[in-house]
Amino acid sequence: MKKMIVTLTMLIIIYFTTEWIVRGLHYIVFGSNTYLSFVSPILHWTKYLAVAFILIWLFKKYVPLAHAGKIMISIALILIPLMFVIASLWFNAVKEEKIVKHRIFSHTVNTWEEVESVSTNIYRKRSTSMGAKNHLTPSKLIVNYNIHLVDGSVIDVWNDLESMYVLHQFVLANNIDVEYLSDVEHFDQKFASYFKDSLDKAHLVFGIK
């Protein structure tokens, strides 16, 4: 019983601290604090992967396995750390001097001279799965601040409204073309409660006049 409590406590600590540890490494290694926006869209995977690794390792240690089971567990214990590294090193970042797209095996840096345009959008992604009780029930809010490069690639750097407000002022000051894709007519009705006291900043970023 004592071992179970210790193990459970360890898993809870790992679950709630993993992302913060990785963010700390981003701060130290990549200087994430120096960017207007530093976005790690799959960073949340790390906490699940860390917990899964511990659980599988404990399963291998305490549960008798057949040969095939040992092989599958060994493969999982190799793949999970690899996926953890991928999730940790997958980010987009932007500042006045450059735009960065970093993946585990690549690090691409672009300048604003290579930017063709910027587009902003906010909408609610609705569930359309067959198992949904109500197909019209809104699910998560989707927000994009996309930087379109001349080579055709697109980098989404949305982080939060405050950082995007500063970035958007920079974009407008440098006469970069902006495409506003949000529903202008019903914007306040749909999103005023989300932005609350920062609605004026949201109007600027999403082109609401």
C-alpha atoms as a PDB file:
ATOM      1  CA  MET A   1       0.000   0.000   0.000  1.00  0.00           C
ATOM      2  CA  LYS A   2       2.836   2.385   0.872  1.00  0.00           C
ATOM      3  CA  LYS A   3       4.544   1.702  -2.466  1.00  0.00           C
ATOM      4  CA  MET A   4       1.288   2.389  -4.281  1.00  0.00           C
ATOM      5  CA  ILE A   5       0.857   5.745  -2.545  1.00  0.00           C
ATOM      6  CA  VAL A   6       4.467   6.712  -3.282  1.00  0.00           C
ATOM      7  CA  THR A   7       4.076   5.700  -6.928  1.00  0.00           C
ATOM      8  CA  LEU A   8       0.803   7.593  -7.296  1.00  0.00           C
ATOM      9  CA  THR A   9       2.341  10.700  -5.712  1.00  0.00           C
ATOM     10  CA  MET A  10       5.324  10.461  -8.060  1.00  0.00           C
ATOM     11  CA  LEU A  11       3.046  10.180 -11.101  1.00  0.00           C
ATOM     12  CA  ILE A  12       1.018  13.213 -10.014  1.00  0.00           C
ATOM     13  CA  ILE A  13       4.195  15.262  -9.530  1.00  0.00           C
ATOM     14  CA  ILE A  14       5.517  14.185 -12.937  1.00  0.00           C
ATOM     15  CA  TYR A  15       2.199  15.006 -14.608  1.00  0.00           C
ATOM     16  CA  PHE A  16       2.013  18.545 -13.217  1.00  0.00           C
ATOM     17  CA  THR A  17       5.717  19.479 -13.488  1.00  0.00           C
ATOM     18  CA  THR A  18       6.860  18.029 -16.824  1.00  0.00           C
ATOM     19  CA  GLU A  19       5.613  20.898 -19.008  1.00  0.00           C
ATOM     20  CA  TRP A  20       7.106  23.506 -16.683  1.00  0.00           C
ATOM     21  CA  ILE A  21      10.466  21.738 -16.717  1.00  0.00           C
ATOM     22  CA  VAL A  22      10.493  21.682 -20.524  1.00  0.00           C
ATOM     23  CA  ARG A  23       9.450  25.349 -20.642  1.00  0.00           C
ATOM     24  CA  GLY A  24      12.364  26.099 -18.336  1.00  0.00           C
ATOM     25  CA  LEU A  25      14.701  24.358 -20.766  1.00  0.00           C
ATOM     26  CA  HIS A  26      13.220  26.438 -23.596  1.00  0.00           C
ATOM     27  CA  TYR A  27      14.002  29.544 -21.549  1.00  0.00           C
ATOM     28  CA  ILE A  28      17.600  28.483 -20.911  1.00  0.00           C
ATOM     29  CA  VAL A  29      18.491  26.873 -24.252  1.00  0.00           C
ATOM     30  CA  PHE A  30      16.443  28.877 -26.772  1.00  0.00           C
ATOM     31  CA  GLY A  31      15.835  32.135 -24.892  1.00  0.00           C
ATOM     32  CA  SER A  32      12.074  31.768 -25.234  1.00  0.00           C
ATOM     33  CA  ASN A  33      11.554  34.926 -23.171  1.00  0.00           C
ATOM     34  CA  THR A  34      13.236  37.041 -25.848  1.00  0.00           C
ATOM     35  CA  TYR A  35      10.504  36.320 -28.414  1.00  0.00           C
ATOM     36  CA  LEU A  36       7.200  38.118 -28.845  1.00  0.00           C
ATOM     37  CA  SER A  37       5.626  34.700 -29.219  1.00  0.00           C
ATOM     38  CA  PHE A  38       7.059  31.261 -28.455  1.00  0.00           C
ATOM     39  CA  VAL A  39       4.550  28.510 -29.191  1.00  0.00           C
ATOM     40  CA  SER A  40       4.916  24.785 -28.511  1.00  0.00           C
ATOM     41  CA  PRO A  41       1.647  23.352 -29.885  1.00  0.00           C
ATOM     42  CA  ILE A  42       2.269  19.738 -28.828  1.00  0.00           C
ATOM     43  CA  LEU A  43       4.134  20.405 -25.588  1.00  0.00           C
ATOM     44  CA  HIS A  44       1.169  19.051 -23.598  1.00  0.00           C
ATOM     45  CA  TRP A  45       2.036  15.597 -24.952  1.00  0.00           C
ATOM     46  CA  THR A  46       5.117  15.524 -22.730  1.00  0.00           C
ATOM     47  CA  LYS A  47       3.222  15.076 -19.464  1.00  0.00           C
ATOM     48  CA  TYR A  48       1.231  12.157 -20.864  1.00  0.00           C
ATOM     49  CA  LEU A  49       4.328  10.561 -22.362  1.00  0.00           C
ATOM     50  CA  ALA A  50       6.293  10.926 -19.122  1.00  0.00           C
ATOM     51  CA  VAL A  51       3.522   9.254 -17.116  1.00  0.00           C
ATOM     52  CA  ALA A  52       3.091   6.537 -19.747  1.00  0.00           C
ATOM     53  CA  PHE A  53       6.814   5.763 -19.671  1.00  0.00           C
ATOM     54  CA  ILE A  54       6.793   5.297 -15.885  1.00  0.00           C
ATOM     55  CA  LEU A  55       3.663   3.126 -15.970  1.00  0.00           C
ATOM     56  CA  ILE A  56       5.027   0.891 -18.724  1.00  0.00           C
ATOM     57  CA  TRP A  57       8.384   0.601 -16.974  1.00  0.00           C
ATOM     58  CA  LEU A  58       6.622  -0.442 -13.746  1.00  0.00           C
ATOM     59  CA  PHE A  59       4.476  -2.894 -15.687  1.00  0.00           C
ATOM     60  CA  LYS A  60       7.580  -4.469 -17.191  1.00  0.00           C
ATOM     61  CA  LYS A  61       9.267  -4.638 -13.788  1.00  0.00           C
ATOM     62  CA  TYR A  62       6.465  -6.260 -11.805  1.00  0.00           C
ATOM     63  CA  VAL A  63       4.366  -8.211 -14.313  1.00  0.00           C
ATOM     64  CA  PRO A  64       5.584 -11.510 -15.846  1.00  0.00           C
ATOM     65  CA  LEU A  65       5.519 -11.181 -19.625  1.00  0.00           C
ATOM     66  CA  ALA A  66       5.651 -13.553 -22.549  1.00  0.00           C
ATOM     67  CA  HIS A  67       8.372 -13.072 -25.157  1.00  0.00           C
ATOM     68  CA  ALA A  68       6.093 -11.085 -27.471  1.00  0.00           C
ATOM     69  CA  GLY A  69       5.003  -8.893 -24.573  1.00  0.00           C
ATOM     70  CA  LYS A  70       8.610  -8.139 -23.647  1.00  0.00           C
ATOM     71  CA  ILE A  71       9.316  -7.085 -27.226  1.00  0.00           C
ATOM     72  CA  MET A  72       6.287  -4.782 -27.355  1.00  0.00           C
ATOM     73  CA  ILE A  73       7.153  -3.203 -24.016  1.00  0.00           C
ATOM     74  CA  SER A  74      10.771  -2.676 -25.101  1.00  0.00           C
ATOM     75  CA  ILE A  75       9.620  -0.983 -28.309  1.00  0.00           C
ATOM     76  CA  ALA A  76       7.288   1.273 -26.323  1.00  0.00           C
ATOM     77  CA  LEU A  77      10.109   2.240 -23.952  1.00  0.00           C
ATOM     78  CA  ILE A  78      12.140   3.333 -26.988  1.00  0.00           C
ATOM     79  CA  LEU A  79       9.353   5.134 -28.865  1.00  0.00           C
ATOM     80  CA  ILE A  80       7.969   7.093 -25.918  1.00  0.00           C
ATOM     81  CA  PRO A  81      11.234   8.951 -25.129  1.00  0.00           C
ATOM     82  CA  LEU A  82      11.619   9.681 -28.848  1.00  0.00           C
ATOM     83  CA  MET A  83       8.111  11.142 -28.987  1.00  0.00           C
ATOM     84  CA  PHE A  84       8.875  13.087 -25.800  1.00  0.00           C
ATOM     85  CA  VAL A  85      11.903  14.708 -27.453  1.00  0.00           C
ATOM     86  CA  ILE A  86       9.889  15.501 -30.585  1.00  0.00           C
ATOM     87  CA  ALA A  87       7.123  17.165 -28.541  1.00  0.00           C
ATOM     88  CA  SER A  88       9.691  19.143 -26.547  1.00  0.00           C
ATOM     89  CA  LEU A  89      11.564  20.421 -29.613  1.00  0.00           C
ATOM     90  CA  TRP A  90       8.531  21.314 -31.741  1.00  0.00           C
ATOM     91  CA  PHE A  91       7.907  25.063 -31.603  1.00  0.00           C
ATOM     92  CA  ASN A  92       7.303  28.239 -33.585  1.00  0.00           C
ATOM     93  CA  ALA A  93       8.703  31.563 -32.412  1.00  0.00           C
ATOM     94  CA  VAL A  94       8.719  35.122 -33.669  1.00  0.00           C
ATOM     95  CA  LYS A  95      10.331  38.466 -32.874  1.00  0.00           C
ATOM     96  CA  GLU A  96      10.982  41.693 -34.784  1.00  0.00           C
ATOM     97  CA  GLU A  97      14.207  40.317 -36.261  1.00  0.00           C
ATOM     98  CA  LYS A  98      13.199  36.802 -37.314  1.00  0.00           C
ATOM     99  CA  ILE A  99      10.659  33.995 -37.499  1.00  0.00           C
ATOM    100  CA  VAL A 100      11.716  30.558 -36.272  1.00  0.00           C
ATOM    101  CA  LYS A 101      10.277  27.144 -37.060  1.00  0.00           C
ATOM    102  CA  HIS A 102      11.997  24.455 -35.007  1.00  0.00           C
ATOM    103  CA  ARG A 103      11.521  20.719 -35.247  1.00  0.00           C
ATOM    104  CA  ILE A 104      13.664  17.933 -33.844  1.00  0.00           C
ATOM    105  CA  PHE A 105      15.616  17.515 -37.089  1.00  0.00           C
ATOM    106  CA  SER A 106      15.340  21.029 -38.515  1.00  0.00           C
ATOM    107  CA  HIS A 107      15.713  24.656 -37.509  1.00  0.00           C
ATOM    108  CA  THR A 108      14.420  27.167 -40.052  1.00  0.00           C
ATOM    109  CA  VAL A 109      14.916  30.910 -39.658  1.00  0.00           C
ATOM    110  CA  ASN A 110      13.131  33.434 -41.881  1.00  0.00           C
ATOM    111  CA  THR A 111      13.239  37.221 -41.981  1.00  0.00           C
ATOM    112  CA  TRP A 112      10.260  39.525 -42.364  1.00  0.00           C
ATOM    113  CA  GLU A 113      11.421  40.283 -45.897  1.00  0.00           C
ATOM    114  CA  GLU A 114      10.374  36.704 -46.706  1.00  0.00           C
ATOM    115  CA  VAL A 115       6.837  37.248 -45.424  1.00  0.00           C
ATOM    116  CA  GLU A 116       4.130  37.563 -48.058  1.00  0.00           C
ATOM    117  CA  SER A 117       1.220  38.266 -45.721  1.00  0.00           C
ATOM    118  CA  VAL A 118      -0.358  37.617 -42.343  1.00  0.00           C
ATOM    119  CA  SER A 119      -3.814  36.237 -41.594  1.00  0.00           C
ATOM    120  CA  THR A 120      -5.779  36.171 -38.357  1.00  0.00           C
ATOM    121  CA  ASN A 121      -8.794  34.066 -37.490  1.00  0.00           C
ATOM    122  CA  ILE A 122     -10.862  32.947 -34.522  1.00  0.00           C
ATOM    123  CA  TYR A 123     -13.731  30.463 -34.537  1.00  0.00           C
ATOM    124  CA  ARG A 124     -15.240  27.607 -32.600  1.00  0.00           C
ATOM    125  CA  LYS A 125     -14.641  24.083 -33.836  1.00  0.00           C
ATOM    126  CA  ARG A 126     -17.864  22.155 -33.589  1.00  0.00           C
ATOM    127  CA  SER A 127     -18.118  18.440 -32.976  1.00  0.00           C
ATOM    128  CA  THR A 128     -19.487  16.486 -35.942  1.00  0.00           C
ATOM    129  CA  SER A 129     -18.671  12.973 -34.740  1.00  0.00           C
ATOM    130  CA  MET A 130     -21.398  10.372 -35.058  1.00  0.00           C
ATOM    131  CA  GLY A 131     -21.245   9.679 -31.334  1.00  0.00           C
ATOM    132  CA  ALA A 132     -21.876  13.272 -30.313  1.00  0.00           C
ATOM    133  CA  LYS A 133     -25.201  13.762 -28.529  1.00  0.00           C
ATOM    134  CA  ASN A 134     -25.597  17.235 -29.985  1.00  0.00           C
ATOM    135  CA  HIS A 135     -23.848  17.919 -33.278  1.00  0.00           C
ATOM    136  CA  LEU A 136     -24.279  21.662 -32.790  1.00  0.00           C
ATOM    137  CA  THR A 137     -22.523  21.808 -29.425  1.00  0.00           C
ATOM    138  CA  PRO A 138     -19.411  24.020 -29.730  1.00  0.00           C
ATOM    139  CA  SER A 139     -16.151  22.483 -28.645  1.00  0.00           C
ATOM    140  CA  LYS A 140     -12.804  24.210 -28.369  1.00  0.00           C
ATOM    141  CA  LEU A 141     -11.963  27.719 -29.476  1.00  0.00           C
ATOM    142  CA  ILE A 142      -9.526  27.862 -32.407  1.00  0.00           C
ATOM    143  CA  VAL A 143      -7.355  30.975 -32.729  1.00  0.00           C
ATOM    144  CA  ASN A 144      -4.753  31.509 -35.459  1.00  0.00           C
ATOM    145  CA  TYR A 145      -2.156  34.151 -36.218  1.00  0.00           C
ATOM    146  CA  ASN A 146      -0.659  32.787 -39.424  1.00  0.00           C
ATOM    147  CA  ILE A 147       2.467  34.118 -41.076  1.00  0.00           C
ATOM    148  CA  HIS A 148       2.495  33.278 -44.789  1.00  0.00           C
ATOM    149  CA  LEU A 149       5.964  33.072 -46.324  1.00  0.00           C
ATOM    150  CA  VAL A 150       6.822  33.619 -49.980  1.00  0.00           C
ATOM    151  CA  ASP A 151       7.801  29.936 -50.308  1.00  0.00           C
ATOM    152  CA  GLY A 152       4.189  28.959 -49.592  1.00  0.00           C
ATOM    153  CA  SER A 153       4.699  27.734 -46.025  1.00  0.00           C
ATOM    154  CA  VAL A 154       2.530  28.949 -43.156  1.00  0.00           C
ATOM    155  CA  ILE A 155       3.581  29.362 -39.519  1.00  0.00           C
ATOM    156  CA  ASP A 156       0.992  29.802 -36.791  1.00  0.00           C
ATOM    157  CA  VAL A 157       2.464  31.862 -33.941  1.00  0.00           C
ATOM    158  CA  TRP A 158      -0.647  32.510 -31.834  1.00  0.00           C
ATOM    159  CA  ASN A 159       0.250  32.542 -28.156  1.00  0.00           C
ATOM    160  CA  ASP A 160      -1.986  34.983 -26.325  1.00  0.00           C
ATOM    161  CA  LEU A 161      -3.727  38.248 -27.121  1.00  0.00           C
ATOM    162  CA  GLU A 162      -1.180  40.484 -25.397  1.00  0.00           C
ATOM    163  CA  SER A 163       1.788  39.175 -27.395  1.00  0.00           C
ATOM    164  CA  MET A 164      -0.223  39.133 -30.638  1.00  0.00           C
ATOM    165  CA  TYR A 165      -1.308  42.732 -30.062  1.00  0.00           C
ATOM    166  CA  VAL A 166       2.333  43.841 -29.884  1.00  0.00           C
ATOM    167  CA  LEU A 167       3.243  41.681 -32.884  1.00  0.00           C
ATOM    168  CA  HIS A 168       0.307  42.974 -34.916  1.00  0.00           C
ATOM    169  CA  GLN A 169       1.316  46.565 -34.299  1.00  0.00           C
ATOM    170  CA  PHE A 170       4.736  45.668 -35.689  1.00  0.00           C
ATOM    171  CA  VAL A 171       3.111  44.023 -38.727  1.00  0.00           C
ATOM    172  CA  LEU A 172       0.931  47.054 -39.446  1.00  0.00           C
ATOM    173  CA  ALA A 173       3.822  49.474 -38.939  1.00  0.00           C
ATOM    174  CA  ASN A 174       5.814  47.583 -41.562  1.00  0.00           C
ATOM    175  CA  ASN A 175       2.946  47.635 -44.087  1.00  0.00           C
ATOM    176  CA  ILE A 176       2.647  43.852 -44.286  1.00  0.00           C
ATOM    177  CA  ASP A 177      -0.577  42.694 -45.945  1.00  0.00           C
ATOM    178  CA  VAL A 178      -3.098  41.326 -43.458  1.00  0.00           C
ATOM    179  CA  GLU A 179      -6.126  39.147 -44.190  1.00  0.00           C
ATOM    180  CA  TYR A 180      -8.794  39.122 -41.476  1.00  0.00           C
ATOM    181  CA  LEU A 181     -10.802  35.901 -41.642  1.00  0.00           C
ATOM    182  CA  SER A 182     -12.989  36.200 -38.543  1.00  0.00           C
ATOM    183  CA  ASP A 183     -16.738  36.768 -38.500  1.00  0.00           C
ATOM    184  CA  VAL A 184     -16.819  40.546 -38.215  1.00  0.00           C
ATOM    185  CA  GLU A 185     -20.578  40.942 -37.858  1.00  0.00           C
ATOM    186  CA  HIS A 186     -20.969  38.642 -34.839  1.00  0.00           C
ATOM    187  CA  PHE A 187     -17.508  38.990 -33.310  1.00  0.00           C
ATOM    188  CA  ASP A 188     -18.510  40.749 -30.096  1.00  0.00           C
ATOM    189  CA  GLN A 189     -21.501  38.484 -29.596  1.00  0.00           C
ATOM    190  CA  LYS A 190     -19.326  35.371 -29.880  1.00  0.00           C
ATOM    191  CA  PHE A 191     -16.042  36.403 -28.290  1.00  0.00           C
ATOM    192  CA  ALA A 192     -16.520  39.426 -26.005  1.00  0.00           C
ATOM    193  CA  SER A 193     -16.700  37.179 -22.928  1.00  0.00           C
ATOM    194  CA  TYR A 194     -13.487  35.438 -23.983  1.00  0.00           C
ATOM    195  CA  PHE A 195     -11.416  38.635 -24.311  1.00  0.00           C
ATOM    196  CA  LYS A 196     -13.226  40.566 -21.545  1.00  0.00           C
ATOM    197  CA  ASP A 197     -11.323  43.806 -20.746  1.00  0.00           C
ATOM    198  CA  SER A 198      -8.990  43.368 -23.748  1.00  0.00           C
ATOM    199  CA  LEU A 199     -11.706  43.526 -26.389  1.00  0.00           C
ATOM    200  CA  ASP A 200     -10.198  46.644 -28.026  1.00  0.00           C
ATOM    201  CA  LYS A 201      -6.919  44.783 -28.544  1.00  0.00           C
ATOM    202  CA  ALA A 202      -8.824  41.836 -29.995  1.00  0.00           C
ATOM    203  CA  HIS A 203     -10.576  44.198 -32.408  1.00  0.00           C
ATOM    204  CA  LEU A 204      -7.205  45.358 -33.718  1.00  0.00           C
ATOM    205  CA  VAL A 205      -5.768  41.848 -34.118  1.00  0.00           C
ATOM    206  CA  PHE A 206      -8.874  40.425 -35.803  1.00  0.00           C
ATOM    207  CA  GLY A 207      -9.719  43.480 -37.895  1.00  0.00           C
ATOM    208  CA  ILE A 208     -12.957  44.513 -36.230  1.00  0.00           C
ATOM    209  CA  LYS A 209     -13.873  48.137 -36.938  1.00  0.00           C
END
